[in-house]
Amino acid sequence: MGREVIVSECDLNESVCEIALGSDSTLTLSMNPAPAKSLVPLTFSFTADGFTPESAWIDLQGTTEYMGINQTPFEYNKGRWRATTELSVCTTGLMVWRARLTLNDPSGDSTPIDLHFEAQ
């Protein structure tokens, strides 16, 4: 069973994004390096306050053209979740990417969170 997509207006190229997931749950997500560039390893990391996901993964999609499948699971270590991937090269030079972070909880529910950022 899935929940409605949470859309954050936060730009990962500009700052760490803090996303409220309920009255007492917060997710803090960052991307390194920022700004993002194609063909450079890109690490997403987050911490969760007020809840503990069972697993998480990130799906990166170009918003104006198909850029292939780019889905990466997060690994949990010492209170922080991390996933490393890289962006493919866009033929137009600049692409707005949608990063969909999906959090899975022990009950089988998933919470999708969308963020957008640009990369060359």
Protein backbone atom coordinates (compact mmCIF):
# COMPACT_ATOMS: atom_id res chain seq x y z
CA MET A 1 0.00 0.00 0.00
CA GLY A 2 1.42 3.39 -0.94
CA ARG A 3 0.87 6.90 0.22
CA GLU A 4 0.34 10.05 -1.80
CA VAL A 5 3.54 11.59 -3.19
CA ILE A 6 5.02 14.36 -1.04
CA VAL A 7 6.42 17.10 -3.31
CA SER A 8 9.16 19.27 -1.83
CA GLU A 9 10.02 22.66 -3.34
CA CYS A 10 13.51 22.46 -1.84
CA ASP A 11 16.38 22.52 -4.39
CA LEU A 12 19.10 20.01 -3.47
CA ASN A 13 21.64 22.06 -5.45
CA GLU A 14 21.13 24.99 -3.08
CA SER A 15 20.67 23.48 0.37
CA VAL A 16 20.03 20.55 2.63
CA CYS A 17 16.31 19.78 2.45
CA GLU A 18 14.25 19.26 5.59
CA ILE A 19 10.93 17.60 4.83
CA ALA A 20 8.08 17.21 7.32
CA LEU A 21 6.46 13.80 6.99
CA GLY A 22 3.85 14.24 9.67
CA SER A 23 3.31 16.04 12.93
CA ASP A 24 6.38 14.47 14.55
CA SER A 25 8.49 13.02 11.71
CA THR A 26 11.17 14.83 9.71
CA LEU A 27 13.56 13.74 7.00
CA THR A 28 16.76 15.71 6.29
CA LEU A 29 18.16 15.02 2.80
CA SER A 30 21.37 16.23 1.15
CA MET A 31 23.17 15.72 -2.16
CA ASN A 32 26.94 15.86 -2.61
CA PRO A 33 28.50 17.36 -4.60
CA ALA A 34 26.13 20.23 -5.24
CA PRO A 35 25.48 21.49 -7.80
CA ALA A 36 25.06 18.11 -9.50
CA LYS A 37 26.97 17.35 -12.70
CA SER A 38 26.59 14.54 -15.21
CA LEU A 39 29.03 11.59 -14.98
CA VAL A 40 30.28 12.64 -11.52
CA PRO A 41 29.50 10.30 -8.59
CA LEU A 42 26.58 11.78 -6.69
CA THR A 43 25.81 10.79 -3.10
CA PHE A 44 22.40 11.30 -1.55
CA SER A 45 22.16 10.96 2.21
CA PHE A 46 19.40 11.42 4.74
CA THR A 47 18.58 11.12 8.40
CA ALA A 48 15.14 10.36 9.76
CA ASP A 49 13.79 11.88 12.96
CA GLY A 50 10.65 10.42 14.53
CA PHE A 51 10.56 7.23 12.42
CA THR A 52 12.82 4.46 11.17
CA PRO A 53 12.44 3.25 7.57
CA GLU A 54 12.96 -0.43 6.88
CA SER A 55 14.53 0.43 3.51
CA ALA A 56 14.81 3.30 1.05
CA TRP A 57 15.76 3.89 -2.57
CA ILE A 58 16.06 6.79 -4.99
CA ASP A 59 14.83 6.93 -8.58
CA LEU A 60 16.29 9.69 -10.79
CA GLN A 61 14.37 10.64 -13.94
CA GLY A 62 14.87 13.40 -16.49
CA THR A 63 11.77 15.60 -16.65
CA THR A 64 11.95 16.46 -20.36
CA GLU A 65 13.50 13.36 -21.91
CA TYR A 66 13.98 9.72 -21.01
CA MET A 67 17.41 9.27 -19.44
CA GLY A 68 17.28 5.54 -18.71
CA ILE A 69 16.64 3.69 -15.48
CA ASN A 70 18.54 5.08 -12.51
CA GLN A 71 17.32 3.46 -9.28
CA THR A 72 19.66 3.07 -6.33
CA PRO A 73 19.02 1.55 -2.90
CA PHE A 74 20.17 3.35 0.24
CA GLU A 75 22.44 1.68 2.78
CA TYR A 76 22.06 2.41 6.48
CA ASN A 77 25.14 3.01 8.63
CA LYS A 78 25.49 4.78 11.99
CA GLY A 79 22.22 6.70 11.85
CA ARG A 80 22.56 7.89 8.24
CA TRP A 81 21.22 6.49 4.97
CA ARG A 82 23.44 6.82 1.84
CA ALA A 83 23.10 6.04 -1.87
CA THR A 84 25.68 6.81 -4.57
CA THR A 85 24.88 6.99 -8.27
CA GLU A 86 25.65 9.25 -11.23
CA LEU A 87 23.62 11.13 -13.79
CA SER A 88 23.79 10.35 -17.48
CA VAL A 89 24.68 13.09 -19.95
CA CYS A 90 21.81 15.13 -21.37
CA THR A 91 22.04 15.91 -25.10
CA THR A 92 20.53 19.37 -24.54
CA GLY A 93 23.20 20.32 -21.98
CA LEU A 94 20.90 21.09 -19.04
CA MET A 95 18.34 18.76 -17.50
CA VAL A 96 15.87 19.19 -14.68
CA TRP A 97 15.89 15.90 -12.77
CA ARG A 98 13.20 14.49 -10.53
CA ALA A 99 14.59 12.63 -7.55
CA ARG A 100 11.93 10.35 -6.06
CA LEU A 101 12.99 9.10 -2.66
CA THR A 102 10.86 6.15 -1.55
CA LEU A 103 10.81 5.19 2.12
CA ASN A 104 9.50 1.73 3.02
CA ASP A 105 8.29 1.01 6.54
CA PRO A 106 8.01 -2.36 8.32
CA SER A 107 4.23 -2.51 7.77
CA GLY A 108 4.70 -2.56 3.98
CA ASP A 109 3.66 1.06 3.38
CA SER A 110 5.84 3.26 1.20
CA THR A 111 6.19 7.04 1.26
CA PRO A 112 7.38 8.65 -2.01
CA ILE A 113 8.99 12.11 -1.85
CA ASP A 114 9.75 14.12 -5.01
CA LEU A 115 12.44 16.79 -5.29
CA HIS A 116 13.79 18.51 -8.40
CA PHE A 117 17.24 19.83 -9.31
CA GLU A 118 19.18 20.84 -12.42
CA ALA A 119 22.37 19.28 -13.75
CA GLN A 120 24.61 19.77 -16.77
